[in-house]
Amino acid sequence: MAGIEREPAEVRIPRAALDAMAAALSVRTVAMRTWPDGVEWMYPMGTWEQPHLEVALMPGGEEVWLRMSTDRSSVAVWTIQQWWDFAGELPGATPPG
């Protein structure tokens, strides 16, 4: 994507933030915000004012980006397979179609 630098970054995701995102995904209570660069970030509903994990599916569906709201300059990049592996461990998860 234009305007986004892709350098290796270390993103520290607190267990509580990851658990909150997993719970939000498992019951589909996820909010979205589109950044000025056009990337649409998902986050657990009702957590905007507190530290939270944000997730974006990249166009083409090959990558998932993760970042903490406390450090939006660092982005972790997962392959779509890593994302499906994570999502498959959520309570009530169904295998990818």
N, C-alpha and C. Protein backbone atom coordinates (compact mmCIF):
# COMPACT_ATOMS: atom_id res chain seq x y z
N MET A 1 0.84 -1.17 0.00
CA MET A 1 0.00 0.00 0.00
C MET A 1 0.89 1.24 0.00
N ALA A 2 0.52 2.21 -0.76
CA ALA A 2 1.30 3.44 -0.84
C ALA A 2 1.28 4.18 0.49
N GLY A 3 2.42 4.74 0.84
CA GLY A 3 2.49 5.56 2.03
C GLY A 3 2.72 4.80 3.32
N ILE A 4 2.81 3.48 3.27
CA ILE A 4 3.01 2.70 4.48
C ILE A 4 4.37 2.03 4.40
N GLU A 5 5.24 2.38 5.33
CA GLU A 5 6.55 1.76 5.40
C GLU A 5 6.43 0.39 6.05
N ARG A 6 7.09 -0.61 5.48
CA ARG A 6 7.04 -1.95 6.05
C ARG A 6 8.43 -2.33 6.52
N GLU A 7 8.72 -1.99 7.74
CA GLU A 7 9.98 -2.36 8.36
C GLU A 7 9.68 -3.33 9.48
N PRO A 8 10.62 -4.23 9.77
CA PRO A 8 10.40 -5.13 10.91
C PRO A 8 10.16 -4.32 12.18
N ALA A 9 9.17 -4.71 12.93
CA ALA A 9 8.85 -4.00 14.16
C ALA A 9 8.49 -5.02 15.23
N GLU A 10 8.76 -4.65 16.45
CA GLU A 10 8.36 -5.49 17.57
C GLU A 10 7.10 -4.88 18.16
N VAL A 11 6.03 -5.65 18.15
CA VAL A 11 4.78 -5.19 18.72
C VAL A 11 4.51 -6.05 19.95
N ARG A 12 4.44 -5.41 21.09
CA ARG A 12 4.14 -6.14 22.32
C ARG A 12 2.64 -6.08 22.56
N ILE A 13 2.01 -7.23 22.48
CA ILE A 13 0.57 -7.31 22.66
C ILE A 13 0.30 -7.94 24.02
N PRO A 14 -0.18 -7.14 24.96
CA PRO A 14 -0.50 -7.71 26.28
C PRO A 14 -1.56 -8.80 26.15
N ARG A 15 -1.44 -9.81 26.95
CA ARG A 15 -2.38 -10.93 26.92
C ARG A 15 -3.83 -10.45 27.04
N ALA A 16 -4.07 -9.45 27.90
CA ALA A 16 -5.43 -8.93 28.09
C ALA A 16 -5.98 -8.34 26.79
N ALA A 17 -5.13 -7.66 26.01
CA ALA A 17 -5.58 -7.07 24.74
C ALA A 17 -5.89 -8.16 23.73
N LEU A 18 -5.06 -9.19 23.67
CA LEU A 18 -5.30 -10.29 22.74
C LEU A 18 -6.55 -11.07 23.15
N ASP A 19 -6.72 -11.29 24.44
CA ASP A 19 -7.92 -11.98 24.92
C ASP A 19 -9.18 -11.18 24.60
N ALA A 20 -9.12 -9.85 24.76
CA ALA A 20 -10.28 -9.01 24.46
C ALA A 20 -10.63 -9.07 22.98
N MET A 21 -9.62 -9.04 22.11
CA MET A 21 -9.88 -9.14 20.67
C MET A 21 -10.44 -10.51 20.32
N ALA A 22 -9.89 -11.56 20.89
CA ALA A 22 -10.40 -12.91 20.64
C ALA A 22 -11.87 -13.03 21.06
N ALA A 23 -12.20 -12.49 22.22
CA ALA A 23 -13.59 -12.54 22.69
C ALA A 23 -14.49 -11.75 21.77
N ALA A 24 -14.04 -10.57 21.33
CA ALA A 24 -14.85 -9.74 20.43
C ALA A 24 -15.07 -10.44 19.10
N LEU A 25 -14.04 -11.08 18.57
CA LEU A 25 -14.18 -11.80 17.31
C LEU A 25 -15.10 -13.01 17.45
N SER A 26 -15.01 -13.69 18.58
CA SER A 26 -15.80 -14.91 18.74
C SER A 26 -17.29 -14.62 18.83
N VAL A 27 -17.65 -13.42 19.29
CA VAL A 27 -19.08 -13.08 19.36
C VAL A 27 -19.44 -11.97 18.38
N ARG A 28 -18.52 -11.63 17.51
CA ARG A 28 -18.73 -10.64 16.46
C ARG A 28 -19.14 -9.27 16.99
N THR A 29 -18.48 -8.82 18.03
CA THR A 29 -18.71 -7.46 18.55
C THR A 29 -17.47 -6.62 18.28
N VAL A 30 -17.21 -6.38 17.01
CA VAL A 30 -16.01 -5.67 16.60
C VAL A 30 -16.41 -4.35 15.95
N ALA A 31 -15.74 -3.28 16.34
CA ALA A 31 -15.95 -1.97 15.72
C ALA A 31 -14.85 -1.74 14.68
N MET A 32 -15.05 -0.77 13.80
CA MET A 32 -14.07 -0.48 12.76
C MET A 32 -13.88 1.02 12.62
N ARG A 33 -12.65 1.40 12.33
CA ARG A 33 -12.32 2.79 11.98
C ARG A 33 -11.39 2.77 10.78
N THR A 34 -11.65 3.65 9.83
CA THR A 34 -10.78 3.78 8.67
C THR A 34 -9.81 4.91 8.90
N TRP A 35 -8.52 4.61 8.78
CA TRP A 35 -7.46 5.60 8.97
C TRP A 35 -7.35 6.45 7.72
N PRO A 36 -6.74 7.63 7.80
CA PRO A 36 -6.59 8.49 6.62
C PRO A 36 -5.87 7.81 5.44
N ASP A 37 -5.04 6.81 5.72
CA ASP A 37 -4.35 6.10 4.64
C ASP A 37 -5.24 5.06 3.98
N GLY A 38 -6.50 4.94 4.44
CA GLY A 38 -7.45 4.03 3.82
C GLY A 38 -7.51 2.66 4.46
N VAL A 39 -6.62 2.37 5.42
CA VAL A 39 -6.63 1.06 6.08
C VAL A 39 -7.75 1.04 7.11
N GLU A 40 -8.58 -0.01 7.05
CA GLU A 40 -9.69 -0.16 7.98
C GLU A 40 -9.26 -1.07 9.12
N TRP A 41 -9.22 -0.52 10.33
CA TRP A 41 -8.76 -1.25 11.51
C TRP A 41 -9.95 -1.69 12.34
N MET A 42 -9.94 -2.95 12.78
CA MET A 42 -10.97 -3.49 13.66
C MET A 42 -10.43 -3.51 15.09
N TYR A 43 -11.32 -3.34 16.04
CA TYR A 43 -10.94 -3.38 17.45
C TYR A 43 -12.16 -3.81 18.26
N PRO A 44 -11.97 -4.30 19.48
CA PRO A 44 -13.11 -4.73 20.29
C PRO A 44 -14.05 -3.56 20.61
N MET A 45 -15.32 -3.77 20.38
CA MET A 45 -16.34 -2.75 20.65
C MET A 45 -16.20 -2.23 22.08
N GLY A 46 -16.30 -0.92 22.23
CA GLY A 46 -16.29 -0.32 23.56
C GLY A 46 -14.93 -0.15 24.20
N THR A 47 -13.85 -0.38 23.45
CA THR A 47 -12.51 -0.28 24.06
C THR A 47 -11.70 0.91 23.53
N TRP A 48 -12.30 1.79 22.73
CA TRP A 48 -11.53 2.84 22.07
C TRP A 48 -10.76 3.71 23.06
N GLU A 49 -11.32 3.97 24.23
CA GLU A 49 -10.68 4.86 25.21
C GLU A 49 -9.65 4.15 26.08
N GLN A 50 -9.46 2.85 25.92
CA GLN A 50 -8.47 2.11 26.70
C GLN A 50 -7.53 1.37 25.75
N PRO A 51 -6.36 0.97 26.22
CA PRO A 51 -5.43 0.26 25.35
C PRO A 51 -6.09 -0.99 24.77
N HIS A 52 -5.93 -1.18 23.45
CA HIS A 52 -6.56 -2.31 22.79
C HIS A 52 -5.76 -2.73 21.57
N LEU A 53 -6.01 -3.95 21.13
CA LEU A 53 -5.40 -4.48 19.93
C LEU A 53 -6.24 -4.09 18.72
N GLU A 54 -5.59 -3.67 17.65
CA GLU A 54 -6.27 -3.34 16.40
C GLU A 54 -5.77 -4.28 15.31
N VAL A 55 -6.67 -4.71 14.45
CA VAL A 55 -6.38 -5.70 13.42
C VAL A 55 -6.89 -5.19 12.08
N ALA A 56 -6.10 -5.35 11.01
CA ALA A 56 -6.52 -4.94 9.67
C ALA A 56 -6.23 -6.07 8.69
N LEU A 57 -7.22 -6.40 7.86
CA LEU A 57 -7.03 -7.36 6.78
C LEU A 57 -6.59 -6.58 5.55
N MET A 58 -5.45 -6.94 5.01
CA MET A 58 -4.92 -6.21 3.87
C MET A 58 -5.63 -6.61 2.59
N PRO A 59 -5.75 -5.66 1.64
CA PRO A 59 -6.37 -5.98 0.35
C PRO A 59 -5.70 -7.19 -0.28
N GLY A 60 -6.49 -8.05 -0.84
CA GLY A 60 -5.98 -9.29 -1.41
C GLY A 60 -6.08 -10.45 -0.45
N GLY A 61 -6.25 -10.16 0.83
CA GLY A 61 -6.47 -11.19 1.83
C GLY A 61 -5.28 -12.06 2.16
N GLU A 62 -4.07 -11.59 1.87
CA GLU A 62 -2.88 -12.41 2.13
C GLU A 62 -2.19 -12.10 3.45
N GLU A 63 -2.47 -10.91 4.01
CA GLU A 63 -1.83 -10.50 5.26
C GLU A 63 -2.85 -9.92 6.22
N VAL A 64 -2.55 -10.08 7.49
CA VAL A 64 -3.30 -9.43 8.56
C VAL A 64 -2.29 -8.61 9.36
N TRP A 65 -2.62 -7.34 9.59
CA TRP A 65 -1.75 -6.47 10.36
C TRP A 65 -2.32 -6.31 11.75
N LEU A 66 -1.45 -6.29 12.76
CA LEU A 66 -1.86 -6.10 14.15
C LEU A 66 -1.03 -4.98 14.75
N ARG A 67 -1.67 -4.17 15.59
CA ARG A 67 -0.96 -3.11 16.29
C ARG A 67 -1.69 -2.82 17.60
N MET A 68 -0.96 -2.27 18.54
CA MET A 68 -1.57 -1.83 19.78
C MET A 68 -1.93 -0.35 19.65
N SER A 69 -3.06 0.04 20.23
CA SER A 69 -3.49 1.43 20.17
C SER A 69 -2.49 2.35 20.87
N THR A 70 -1.69 1.81 21.76
CA THR A 70 -0.71 2.61 22.49
C THR A 70 0.55 2.89 21.67
N ASP A 71 0.74 2.17 20.54
CA ASP A 71 1.90 2.38 19.66
C ASP A 71 1.50 2.05 18.24
N ARG A 72 0.81 2.95 17.61
CA ARG A 72 0.32 2.69 16.25
C ARG A 72 1.42 2.77 15.20
N SER A 73 2.64 3.13 15.59
CA SER A 73 3.74 3.19 14.63
C SER A 73 4.34 1.81 14.38
N SER A 74 4.09 0.85 15.25
CA SER A 74 4.62 -0.51 15.09
C SER A 74 3.50 -1.45 14.68
N VAL A 75 3.74 -2.19 13.61
CA VAL A 75 2.74 -3.12 13.09
C VAL A 75 3.36 -4.50 12.94
N ALA A 76 2.68 -5.51 13.47
CA ALA A 76 3.09 -6.89 13.26
C ALA A 76 2.32 -7.42 12.06
N VAL A 77 2.97 -8.17 11.19
CA VAL A 77 2.33 -8.71 10.00
C VAL A 77 2.23 -10.22 10.15
N TRP A 78 0.99 -10.73 10.09
CA TRP A 78 0.75 -12.17 10.10
C TRP A 78 0.33 -12.59 8.71
N THR A 79 0.67 -13.81 8.34
CA THR A 79 0.12 -14.37 7.11
C THR A 79 -1.34 -14.71 7.37
N ILE A 80 -2.10 -14.89 6.32
CA ILE A 80 -3.51 -15.24 6.50
C ILE A 80 -3.62 -16.60 7.20
N GLN A 81 -2.65 -17.49 6.96
CA GLN A 81 -2.68 -18.79 7.64
C GLN A 81 -2.48 -18.63 9.14
N GLN A 82 -1.55 -17.76 9.53
CA GLN A 82 -1.37 -17.51 10.97
C GLN A 82 -2.65 -16.96 11.57
N TRP A 83 -3.34 -16.08 10.84
CA TRP A 83 -4.60 -15.51 11.33
C TRP A 83 -5.66 -16.60 11.49
N TRP A 84 -5.78 -17.48 10.48
CA TRP A 84 -6.77 -18.57 10.57
C TRP A 84 -6.44 -19.52 11.71
N ASP A 85 -5.16 -19.78 11.94
CA ASP A 85 -4.76 -20.63 13.06
C ASP A 85 -5.20 -20.00 14.38
N PHE A 86 -4.98 -18.68 14.52
CA PHE A 86 -5.41 -17.97 15.72
C PHE A 86 -6.93 -18.00 15.85
N ALA A 87 -7.62 -17.65 14.78
CA ALA A 87 -9.09 -17.59 14.82
C ALA A 87 -9.69 -18.97 15.07
N GLY A 88 -9.02 -20.02 14.60
CA GLY A 88 -9.52 -21.38 14.80
C GLY A 88 -9.48 -21.83 16.24
N GLU A 89 -8.71 -21.13 17.07
CA GLU A 89 -8.62 -21.48 18.49
C GLU A 89 -9.64 -20.74 19.35
N LEU A 90 -10.41 -19.83 18.74
CA LEU A 90 -11.38 -19.06 19.49
C LEU A 90 -12.58 -19.93 19.89
N PRO A 91 -13.19 -19.62 21.01
CA PRO A 91 -14.39 -20.39 21.41
C PRO A 91 -15.47 -20.28 20.34
N GLY A 92 -16.04 -21.41 19.97
CA GLY A 92 -17.11 -21.44 18.97
C GLY A 92 -16.64 -21.25 17.55
N ALA A 93 -15.32 -21.34 17.32
CA ALA A 93 -14.78 -21.13 15.99
C ALA A 93 -15.19 -22.25 15.04
N THR A 94 -15.38 -21.86 13.80
CA THR A 94 -15.65 -22.84 12.76
C THR A 94 -14.47 -22.84 11.80
N PRO A 95 -14.18 -23.97 11.20
CA PRO A 95 -13.04 -24.01 10.28
C PRO A 95 -13.27 -23.08 9.09
N PRO A 96 -12.18 -22.52 8.53
CA PRO A 96 -12.34 -21.65 7.37
C PRO A 96 -12.98 -22.39 6.22
N GLY A 97 -13.83 -21.66 5.48
CA GLY A 97 -14.59 -22.25 4.37
C GLY A 97 -13.71 -22.61 3.25
